[in-house]
Amino acid sequence: MMKKLIGGGELPPRATLSQLIRGFVGGTVGILFLCLLAEQSEIPWLMAPFGATCVLLFAVPTSPLAQPRNIIAGHFISAAVGLIALYGFGDSYLVMAMAVGSAIMLMQYFRAVHPPAGANPIVIALAGTSAVDWTFLFIPVLIGSIALVCVGAMLNNTSAQQKWPLYWVGKS
């Protein structure tokens, strides 16, 4: 029996053992893969929002927020906004806040909402121009999100009951 929440709704069902294992393995393999790429290439492939991406990708892979289009385009859009804001207007609180708002608006417009990507402008502003340049948009953002999607495609299709992704690009 499901427990009632304070607001009267019900909790989602407990994750199955298979889902728990997939979440653990997916998060571990996804982040470890990016860490090993960084070690081998001496290029930083990891950014904090990728941890949250792994939560969606491996714990709720059927969510629209966990589809390849949302992960890749959401991170790319949001990081591009963060870089434009940082290099065009600086790293003030107001610029950082407006960059997050603009990233959300553009992800909505392009139908590529990915909540972890909303942190990208913050990560970029806090790192500053001495730590990030335009290459950040490609490594770690674009290539790293594609790498996580590839890990997701392998691990989220280990069960006959689950087909991932639900869509790649979708119809306009």
N, C-alpha and C. Protein backbone atom coordinates (compact mmCIF):
# COMPACT_ATOMS: atom_id res chain seq x y z
N MET A 1 0.85 -1.18 0.00
CA MET A 1 0.00 0.00 0.00
C MET A 1 0.89 1.24 0.00
N MET A 2 0.51 2.21 -0.82
CA MET A 2 1.30 3.44 -0.93
C MET A 2 1.00 4.36 0.24
N LYS A 3 2.03 5.01 0.72
CA LYS A 3 1.87 5.96 1.82
C LYS A 3 1.38 7.29 1.27
N LYS A 4 0.55 7.94 2.03
CA LYS A 4 0.02 9.24 1.62
C LYS A 4 1.03 10.34 1.94
N LEU A 5 1.13 11.28 1.03
CA LEU A 5 1.95 12.47 1.27
C LEU A 5 1.12 13.48 2.04
N ILE A 6 1.76 14.45 2.62
CA ILE A 6 1.04 15.49 3.37
C ILE A 6 -0.01 16.16 2.51
N GLY A 7 0.31 16.41 1.25
CA GLY A 7 -0.63 17.07 0.35
C GLY A 7 -1.74 16.17 -0.15
N GLY A 8 -1.78 14.92 0.26
CA GLY A 8 -2.86 14.02 -0.13
C GLY A 8 -2.51 13.12 -1.30
N GLY A 9 -1.43 13.40 -2.02
CA GLY A 9 -1.03 12.55 -3.14
C GLY A 9 -0.33 11.30 -2.63
N GLU A 10 -0.08 10.39 -3.53
CA GLU A 10 0.58 9.15 -3.15
C GLU A 10 2.02 9.14 -3.64
N LEU A 11 2.87 8.48 -2.89
CA LEU A 11 4.25 8.30 -3.29
C LEU A 11 4.31 7.40 -4.52
N PRO A 12 5.32 7.57 -5.36
CA PRO A 12 5.45 6.64 -6.48
C PRO A 12 5.81 5.26 -5.96
N PRO A 13 5.61 4.24 -6.76
CA PRO A 13 5.96 2.90 -6.30
C PRO A 13 7.46 2.78 -6.04
N ARG A 14 7.81 1.84 -5.17
CA ARG A 14 9.23 1.60 -4.89
C ARG A 14 9.91 1.09 -6.15
N ALA A 15 11.16 1.48 -6.30
CA ALA A 15 11.95 0.99 -7.43
C ALA A 15 12.19 -0.50 -7.25
N THR A 16 12.17 -1.23 -8.35
CA THR A 16 12.48 -2.65 -8.31
C THR A 16 13.98 -2.82 -8.11
N LEU A 17 14.40 -4.02 -7.77
CA LEU A 17 15.82 -4.31 -7.61
C LEU A 17 16.56 -4.01 -8.92
N SER A 18 15.97 -4.38 -10.03
CA SER A 18 16.57 -4.13 -11.34
C SER A 18 16.75 -2.62 -11.58
N GLN A 19 15.75 -1.82 -11.23
CA GLN A 19 15.84 -0.36 -11.39
C GLN A 19 16.91 0.22 -10.47
N LEU A 20 16.98 -0.27 -9.24
CA LEU A 20 18.00 0.20 -8.30
C LEU A 20 19.40 -0.10 -8.83
N ILE A 21 19.58 -1.30 -9.33
CA ILE A 21 20.89 -1.69 -9.87
C ILE A 21 21.22 -0.84 -11.09
N ARG A 22 20.24 -0.62 -11.98
CA ARG A 22 20.48 0.19 -13.18
C ARG A 22 20.85 1.62 -12.78
N GLY A 23 20.22 2.17 -11.78
CA GLY A 23 20.55 3.51 -11.31
C GLY A 23 21.97 3.58 -10.77
N PHE A 24 22.33 2.60 -9.97
CA PHE A 24 23.68 2.56 -9.40
C PHE A 24 24.74 2.39 -10.49
N VAL A 25 24.54 1.38 -11.34
CA VAL A 25 25.52 1.11 -12.39
C VAL A 25 25.58 2.27 -13.38
N GLY A 26 24.44 2.80 -13.77
CA GLY A 26 24.42 3.91 -14.73
C GLY A 26 25.14 5.14 -14.22
N GLY A 27 24.83 5.56 -13.00
CA GLY A 27 25.51 6.72 -12.43
C GLY A 27 27.00 6.49 -12.27
N THR A 28 27.35 5.29 -11.81
CA THR A 28 28.76 4.96 -11.61
C THR A 28 29.52 4.92 -12.93
N VAL A 29 28.99 4.18 -13.90
CA VAL A 29 29.67 4.03 -15.18
C VAL A 29 29.71 5.36 -15.94
N GLY A 30 28.61 6.10 -15.94
CA GLY A 30 28.56 7.37 -16.65
C GLY A 30 29.61 8.36 -16.16
N ILE A 31 29.67 8.55 -14.85
CA ILE A 31 30.62 9.51 -14.28
C ILE A 31 32.05 8.97 -14.36
N LEU A 32 32.23 7.68 -14.10
CA LEU A 32 33.57 7.10 -14.21
C LEU A 32 34.10 7.21 -15.63
N PHE A 33 33.26 6.98 -16.60
CA PHE A 33 33.66 7.10 -18.01
C PHE A 33 34.17 8.51 -18.30
N LEU A 34 33.45 9.53 -17.85
CA LEU A 34 33.89 10.92 -18.07
C LEU A 34 35.18 11.22 -17.31
N CYS A 35 35.32 10.68 -16.11
CA CYS A 35 36.56 10.87 -15.33
C CYS A 35 37.75 10.23 -16.03
N LEU A 36 37.57 9.03 -16.56
CA LEU A 36 38.66 8.34 -17.25
C LEU A 36 39.03 9.07 -18.55
N LEU A 37 38.03 9.58 -19.26
CA LEU A 37 38.31 10.39 -20.45
C LEU A 37 39.15 11.61 -20.07
N ALA A 38 38.80 12.25 -18.97
CA ALA A 38 39.54 13.42 -18.51
C ALA A 38 40.97 13.06 -18.15
N GLU A 39 41.12 11.95 -17.47
CA GLU A 39 42.47 11.52 -17.07
C GLU A 39 43.34 11.22 -18.28
N GLN A 40 42.77 10.53 -19.25
CA GLN A 40 43.54 10.14 -20.44
C GLN A 40 43.87 11.33 -21.34
N SER A 41 42.92 12.25 -21.48
CA SER A 41 43.10 13.37 -22.41
C SER A 41 43.67 14.62 -21.75
N GLU A 42 43.66 14.64 -20.42
CA GLU A 42 44.06 15.82 -19.64
C GLU A 42 43.19 17.03 -19.98
N ILE A 43 41.95 16.76 -20.36
CA ILE A 43 40.94 17.79 -20.61
C ILE A 43 39.80 17.52 -19.64
N PRO A 44 39.28 18.54 -18.96
CA PRO A 44 38.17 18.29 -18.02
C PRO A 44 36.88 17.92 -18.76
N TRP A 45 36.41 16.70 -18.54
CA TRP A 45 35.20 16.21 -19.18
C TRP A 45 33.99 16.24 -18.24
N LEU A 46 34.21 16.64 -17.03
CA LEU A 46 33.18 16.52 -16.01
C LEU A 46 32.72 17.89 -15.56
N MET A 47 31.44 18.01 -15.31
CA MET A 47 30.89 19.20 -14.67
C MET A 47 29.76 18.72 -13.76
N ALA A 48 29.53 19.44 -12.68
CA ALA A 48 28.59 19.01 -11.65
C ALA A 48 27.19 18.67 -12.19
N PRO A 49 26.63 19.45 -13.12
CA PRO A 49 25.28 19.11 -13.60
C PRO A 49 25.16 17.72 -14.21
N PHE A 50 26.28 17.11 -14.63
CA PHE A 50 26.20 15.77 -15.18
C PHE A 50 25.78 14.75 -14.12
N GLY A 51 26.06 15.00 -12.86
CA GLY A 51 25.58 14.11 -11.81
C GLY A 51 24.06 14.09 -11.76
N ALA A 52 23.46 15.26 -11.87
CA ALA A 52 22.00 15.35 -11.89
C ALA A 52 21.42 14.76 -13.18
N THR A 53 22.15 14.91 -14.28
CA THR A 53 21.72 14.30 -15.53
C THR A 53 21.64 12.78 -15.36
N CYS A 54 22.61 12.21 -14.67
CA CYS A 54 22.62 10.76 -14.43
C CYS A 54 21.40 10.32 -13.62
N VAL A 55 20.96 11.14 -12.69
CA VAL A 55 19.76 10.79 -11.91
C VAL A 55 18.57 10.62 -12.85
N LEU A 56 18.36 11.59 -13.72
CA LEU A 56 17.24 11.48 -14.66
C LEU A 56 17.45 10.33 -15.64
N LEU A 57 18.63 10.24 -16.19
CA LEU A 57 18.93 9.26 -17.23
C LEU A 57 18.81 7.82 -16.76
N PHE A 58 19.18 7.56 -15.49
CA PHE A 58 19.20 6.17 -15.03
C PHE A 58 18.12 5.85 -13.99
N ALA A 59 17.51 6.85 -13.37
CA ALA A 59 16.45 6.58 -12.40
C ALA A 59 15.06 6.75 -13.01
N VAL A 60 14.91 7.67 -13.94
CA VAL A 60 13.60 7.89 -14.58
C VAL A 60 13.79 8.05 -16.10
N PRO A 61 14.33 7.02 -16.77
CA PRO A 61 14.67 7.16 -18.18
C PRO A 61 13.49 7.39 -19.12
N THR A 62 12.27 7.10 -18.66
CA THR A 62 11.12 7.33 -19.53
C THR A 62 10.58 8.76 -19.42
N SER A 63 11.16 9.55 -18.54
CA SER A 63 10.75 10.95 -18.42
C SER A 63 11.14 11.72 -19.68
N PRO A 64 10.29 12.63 -20.14
CA PRO A 64 10.68 13.48 -21.27
C PRO A 64 11.97 14.26 -20.98
N LEU A 65 12.23 14.54 -19.72
CA LEU A 65 13.42 15.28 -19.33
C LEU A 65 14.70 14.45 -19.47
N ALA A 66 14.56 13.13 -19.65
CA ALA A 66 15.70 12.23 -19.72
C ALA A 66 15.94 11.69 -21.13
N GLN A 67 15.36 12.33 -22.13
CA GLN A 67 15.53 11.87 -23.50
C GLN A 67 16.76 12.55 -24.13
N PRO A 68 17.39 11.90 -25.09
CA PRO A 68 18.62 12.45 -25.68
C PRO A 68 18.50 13.90 -26.14
N ARG A 69 17.41 14.23 -26.80
CA ARG A 69 17.22 15.61 -27.27
C ARG A 69 17.31 16.59 -26.12
N ASN A 70 16.65 16.27 -25.01
CA ASN A 70 16.62 17.15 -23.86
C ASN A 70 17.99 17.23 -23.19
N ILE A 71 18.65 16.10 -23.05
CA ILE A 71 19.96 16.08 -22.40
C ILE A 71 20.98 16.87 -23.22
N ILE A 72 21.11 16.52 -24.48
CA ILE A 72 22.15 17.14 -25.32
C ILE A 72 21.83 18.60 -25.63
N ALA A 73 20.64 18.84 -26.17
CA ALA A 73 20.28 20.22 -26.53
C ALA A 73 20.12 21.10 -25.30
N GLY A 74 19.55 20.54 -24.24
CA GLY A 74 19.38 21.34 -23.01
C GLY A 74 20.71 21.81 -22.45
N HIS A 75 21.67 20.90 -22.35
CA HIS A 75 22.99 21.29 -21.85
C HIS A 75 23.67 22.29 -22.80
N PHE A 76 23.55 22.05 -24.10
CA PHE A 76 24.21 22.91 -25.08
C PHE A 76 23.62 24.33 -25.03
N ILE A 77 22.31 24.43 -25.06
CA ILE A 77 21.64 25.73 -25.02
C ILE A 77 22.01 26.48 -23.76
N SER A 78 21.91 25.82 -22.64
CA SER A 78 22.14 26.46 -21.35
C SER A 78 23.60 26.90 -21.19
N ALA A 79 24.52 26.08 -21.64
CA ALA A 79 25.94 26.45 -21.56
C ALA A 79 26.25 27.60 -22.51
N ALA A 80 25.65 27.59 -23.69
CA ALA A 80 25.86 28.69 -24.64
C ALA A 80 25.36 30.01 -24.03
N VAL A 81 24.21 29.96 -23.41
CA VAL A 81 23.68 31.16 -22.74
C VAL A 81 24.64 31.61 -21.64
N GLY A 82 25.14 30.67 -20.86
CA GLY A 82 26.07 31.00 -19.79
C GLY A 82 27.34 31.65 -20.31
N LEU A 83 27.88 31.12 -21.40
CA LEU A 83 29.10 31.69 -21.98
C LEU A 83 28.85 33.07 -22.58
N ILE A 84 27.74 33.23 -23.27
CA ILE A 84 27.39 34.54 -23.83
C ILE A 84 27.24 35.56 -22.71
N ALA A 85 26.56 35.16 -21.65
CA ALA A 85 26.35 36.07 -20.51
C ALA A 85 27.69 36.44 -19.87
N LEU A 86 28.54 35.44 -19.61
CA LEU A 86 29.82 35.70 -18.96
C LEU A 86 30.71 36.60 -19.80
N TYR A 87 30.86 36.26 -21.07
CA TYR A 87 31.77 37.03 -21.91
C TYR A 87 31.15 38.34 -22.41
N GLY A 88 29.83 38.40 -22.45
CA GLY A 88 29.18 39.62 -22.93
C GLY A 88 28.85 40.62 -21.83
N PHE A 89 28.57 40.10 -20.63
CA PHE A 89 28.06 40.98 -19.58
C PHE A 89 28.73 40.82 -18.22
N GLY A 90 29.61 39.83 -18.07
CA GLY A 90 30.31 39.66 -16.81
C GLY A 90 29.70 38.58 -15.94
N ASP A 91 30.13 38.57 -14.67
CA ASP A 91 29.70 37.49 -13.77
C ASP A 91 28.94 37.99 -12.55
N SER A 92 28.25 39.10 -12.69
CA SER A 92 27.49 39.63 -11.55
C SER A 92 26.31 38.71 -11.23
N TYR A 93 25.75 38.91 -10.05
CA TYR A 93 24.59 38.11 -9.65
C TYR A 93 23.43 38.30 -10.62
N LEU A 94 23.21 39.55 -11.04
CA LEU A 94 22.10 39.82 -11.95
C LEU A 94 22.31 39.12 -13.29
N VAL A 95 23.51 39.17 -13.81
CA VAL A 95 23.80 38.51 -15.09
C VAL A 95 23.62 37.00 -14.94
N MET A 96 24.14 36.44 -13.86
CA MET A 96 24.00 35.00 -13.63
C MET A 96 22.53 34.61 -13.53
N ALA A 97 21.75 35.38 -12.79
CA ALA A 97 20.33 35.08 -12.63
C ALA A 97 19.59 35.19 -13.96
N MET A 98 19.89 36.23 -14.72
CA MET A 98 19.22 36.40 -16.02
C MET A 98 19.66 35.31 -17.00
N ALA A 99 20.88 34.83 -16.88
CA ALA A 99 21.34 33.75 -17.74
C ALA A 99 20.57 32.46 -17.45
N VAL A 100 20.35 32.18 -16.18
CA VAL A 100 19.55 30.99 -15.83
C VAL A 100 18.13 31.14 -16.37
N GLY A 101 17.52 32.30 -16.17
CA GLY A 101 16.17 32.54 -16.69
C GLY A 101 16.11 32.43 -18.20
N SER A 102 17.11 32.99 -18.87
CA SER A 102 17.16 32.92 -20.34
C SER A 102 17.35 31.48 -20.81
N ALA A 103 18.19 30.73 -20.12
CA ALA A 103 18.42 29.33 -20.49
C ALA A 103 17.12 28.53 -20.36
N ILE A 104 16.39 28.75 -19.27
CA ILE A 104 15.11 28.06 -19.09
C ILE A 104 14.16 28.40 -20.23
N MET A 105 14.05 29.70 -20.53
CA MET A 105 13.14 30.14 -21.58
C MET A 105 13.51 29.51 -22.93
N LEU A 106 14.81 29.49 -23.25
CA LEU A 106 15.24 28.92 -24.53
C LEU A 106 15.08 27.40 -24.57
N MET A 107 15.33 26.72 -23.46
CA MET A 107 15.09 25.28 -23.44
C MET A 107 13.60 25.00 -23.66
N GLN A 108 12.73 25.81 -23.06
CA GLN A 108 11.30 25.64 -23.27
C GLN A 108 10.94 25.89 -24.75
N TYR A 109 11.47 26.97 -25.29
CA TYR A 109 11.17 27.33 -26.68
C TYR A 109 11.58 26.22 -27.64
N PHE A 110 12.77 25.65 -27.43
CA PHE A 110 13.27 24.61 -28.31
C PHE A 110 12.81 23.21 -27.91
N ARG A 111 11.94 23.14 -26.91
CA ARG A 111 11.37 21.87 -26.44
C ARG A 111 12.47 20.88 -26.08
N ALA A 112 13.43 21.39 -25.30
CA ALA A 112 14.57 20.58 -24.87
C ALA A 112 14.88 20.86 -23.40
N VAL A 113 13.84 20.85 -22.57
CA VAL A 113 14.02 21.16 -21.15
C VAL A 113 14.75 20.00 -20.46
N HIS A 114 15.83 20.35 -19.79
CA HIS A 114 16.60 19.38 -19.01
C HIS A 114 17.03 20.09 -17.73
N PRO A 115 16.34 19.86 -16.61
CA PRO A 115 16.60 20.62 -15.39
C PRO A 115 18.06 20.72 -14.96
N PRO A 116 18.86 19.64 -15.02
CA PRO A 116 20.26 19.81 -14.61
C PRO A 116 21.01 20.88 -15.42
N ALA A 117 20.61 21.06 -16.67
CA ALA A 117 21.27 22.06 -17.52
C ALA A 117 21.03 23.48 -17.03
N GLY A 118 20.01 23.68 -16.24
CA GLY A 118 19.76 25.01 -15.68
C GLY A 118 20.90 25.48 -14.80
N ALA A 119 21.73 24.57 -14.33
CA ALA A 119 22.88 24.93 -13.50
C ALA A 119 24.07 25.38 -14.32
N ASN A 120 24.08 25.11 -15.61
CA ASN A 120 25.25 25.44 -16.44
C ASN A 120 25.65 26.91 -16.39
N PRO A 121 24.72 27.86 -16.51
CA PRO A 121 25.15 29.26 -16.42
C PRO A 121 25.77 29.61 -15.07
N ILE A 122 25.30 28.97 -14.02
CA ILE A 122 25.87 29.22 -12.68
C ILE A 122 27.29 28.67 -12.61
N VAL A 123 27.47 27.44 -13.09
CA VAL A 123 28.80 26.82 -13.10
C VAL A 123 29.77 27.70 -13.89
N ILE A 124 29.33 28.17 -15.04
CA ILE A 124 30.18 28.98 -15.91
C ILE A 124 30.50 30.32 -15.27
N ALA A 125 29.51 30.99 -14.71
CA ALA A 125 29.75 32.29 -14.07
C ALA A 125 30.67 32.16 -12.86
N LEU A 126 30.46 31.13 -12.06
CA LEU A 126 31.30 30.95 -10.87
C LEU A 126 32.73 30.57 -11.24
N ALA A 127 32.90 29.85 -12.33
CA ALA A 127 34.24 29.49 -12.78
C ALA A 127 34.97 30.72 -13.33
N GLY A 128 34.25 31.56 -14.04
CA GLY A 128 34.83 32.80 -14.57
C GLY A 128 35.65 32.60 -15.83
N THR A 129 36.03 33.72 -16.42
CA THR A 129 36.74 33.68 -17.70
C THR A 129 38.13 33.05 -17.61
N SER A 130 38.69 33.00 -16.42
CA SER A 130 40.02 32.37 -16.30
C SER A 130 39.93 30.85 -16.34
N ALA A 131 38.74 30.28 -16.13
CA ALA A 131 38.60 28.83 -16.08
C ALA A 131 37.82 28.25 -17.27
N VAL A 132 36.93 29.03 -17.87
CA VAL A 132 36.14 28.52 -19.00
C VAL A 132 36.27 29.46 -20.19
N ASP A 133 36.35 28.85 -21.36
CA ASP A 133 36.31 29.62 -22.60
C ASP A 133 35.31 28.92 -23.52
N TRP A 134 35.30 29.30 -24.78
CA TRP A 134 34.29 28.77 -25.69
C TRP A 134 34.46 27.27 -25.96
N THR A 135 35.63 26.71 -25.71
CA THR A 135 35.79 25.26 -25.90
C THR A 135 34.96 24.48 -24.88
N PHE A 136 34.62 25.11 -23.75
CA PHE A 136 33.79 24.48 -22.72
C PHE A 136 32.45 24.02 -23.30
N LEU A 137 31.98 24.73 -24.33
CA LEU A 137 30.71 24.39 -24.96
C LEU A 137 30.78 23.01 -25.62
N PHE A 138 31.96 22.63 -26.06
CA PHE A 138 32.12 21.34 -26.75
C PHE A 138 32.67 20.26 -25.84
N ILE A 139 33.68 20.60 -25.04
CA ILE A 139 34.20 19.68 -24.02
C ILE A 139 34.26 20.46 -22.73
N PRO A 140 33.47 20.16 -21.76
CA PRO A 140 32.74 18.92 -21.54
C PRO A 140 31.29 18.91 -22.01
N VAL A 141 30.68 20.05 -22.30
CA VAL A 141 29.22 20.11 -22.44
C VAL A 141 28.68 19.19 -23.54
N LEU A 142 29.01 19.45 -24.78
CA LEU A 142 28.41 18.69 -25.88
C LEU A 142 28.89 17.24 -25.91
N ILE A 143 30.18 17.04 -25.93
CA ILE A 143 30.71 15.67 -26.02
C ILE A 143 30.40 14.88 -24.75
N GLY A 144 30.45 15.53 -23.60
CA GLY A 144 30.13 14.85 -22.34
C GLY A 144 28.67 14.42 -22.28
N SER A 145 27.76 15.28 -22.74
CA SER A 145 26.34 14.89 -22.72
C SER A 145 26.06 13.79 -23.73
N ILE A 146 26.74 13.83 -24.88
CA ILE A 146 26.60 12.74 -25.85
C ILE A 146 27.14 11.43 -25.26
N ALA A 147 28.26 11.50 -24.57
CA ALA A 147 28.83 10.30 -23.94
C ALA A 147 27.85 9.71 -22.92
N LEU A 148 27.22 10.56 -22.11
CA LEU A 148 26.24 10.06 -21.14
C LEU A 148 25.04 9.43 -21.84
N VAL A 149 24.60 10.03 -22.93
CA VAL A 149 23.48 9.46 -23.70
C VAL A 149 23.87 8.09 -24.25
N CYS A 150 25.11 7.93 -24.70
CA CYS A 150 25.58 6.63 -25.21
C CYS A 150 25.57 5.58 -24.09
N VAL A 151 26.04 5.95 -22.91
CA VAL A 151 26.00 5.03 -21.77
C VAL A 151 24.53 4.70 -21.45
N GLY A 152 23.68 5.71 -21.49
CA GLY A 152 22.26 5.49 -21.26
C GLY A 152 21.64 4.54 -22.27
N ALA A 153 22.01 4.67 -23.53
CA ALA A 153 21.47 3.79 -24.57
C ALA A 153 21.87 2.34 -24.32
N MET A 154 23.08 2.14 -23.81
CA MET A 154 23.53 0.76 -23.51
C MET A 154 22.83 0.20 -22.28
N LEU A 155 22.81 0.98 -21.19
CA LEU A 155 22.29 0.45 -19.93
C LEU A 155 20.77 0.48 -19.82
N ASN A 156 20.13 1.41 -20.49
CA ASN A 156 18.68 1.50 -20.37
C ASN A 156 17.94 0.56 -21.31
N ASN A 157 18.66 -0.23 -22.05
CA ASN A 157 18.03 -1.21 -22.94
C ASN A 157 18.42 -2.64 -22.59
N THR A 158 18.79 -2.85 -21.32
CA THR A 158 19.17 -4.19 -20.89
C THR A 158 17.97 -5.06 -20.55
N SER A 159 16.80 -4.45 -20.48
CA SER A 159 15.58 -5.18 -20.15
C SER A 159 14.66 -5.18 -21.37
N ALA A 160 14.02 -6.30 -21.61
CA ALA A 160 13.08 -6.41 -22.73
C ALA A 160 11.85 -5.52 -22.52
N GLN A 161 11.56 -5.21 -21.25
CA GLN A 161 10.38 -4.39 -20.95
C GLN A 161 10.62 -2.89 -21.19
N GLN A 162 11.87 -2.51 -21.36
CA GLN A 162 12.18 -1.10 -21.47
C GLN A 162 12.86 -0.81 -22.79
N LYS A 163 12.36 0.21 -23.49
CA LYS A 163 12.98 0.67 -24.73
C LYS A 163 13.33 2.13 -24.54
N TRP A 164 14.60 2.42 -24.62
CA TRP A 164 15.06 3.79 -24.44
C TRP A 164 15.92 4.15 -25.63
N PRO A 165 15.82 5.32 -26.15
CA PRO A 165 14.99 6.44 -25.72
C PRO A 165 13.57 6.32 -26.27
N LEU A 166 12.70 7.14 -25.72
CA LEU A 166 11.34 7.21 -26.25
C LEU A 166 11.33 7.93 -27.58
N TYR A 167 12.26 8.88 -27.76
CA TYR A 167 12.44 9.59 -29.03
C TYR A 167 13.85 10.17 -29.03
N TRP A 168 14.37 10.39 -30.22
CA TRP A 168 15.67 11.04 -30.36
C TRP A 168 15.48 12.52 -30.65
N VAL A 169 14.80 12.80 -31.72
CA VAL A 169 14.62 14.20 -32.11
C VAL A 169 13.14 14.57 -31.95
N GLY A 170 12.25 13.73 -32.37
CA GLY A 170 10.82 14.02 -32.30
C GLY A 170 10.37 14.85 -33.48
N LYS A 171 9.08 14.94 -33.65
CA LYS A 171 8.50 15.74 -34.72
C LYS A 171 8.30 17.16 -34.26
N SER A 172 8.46 18.10 -35.14
CA SER A 172 8.29 19.52 -34.78
C SER A 172 6.90 19.79 -34.52
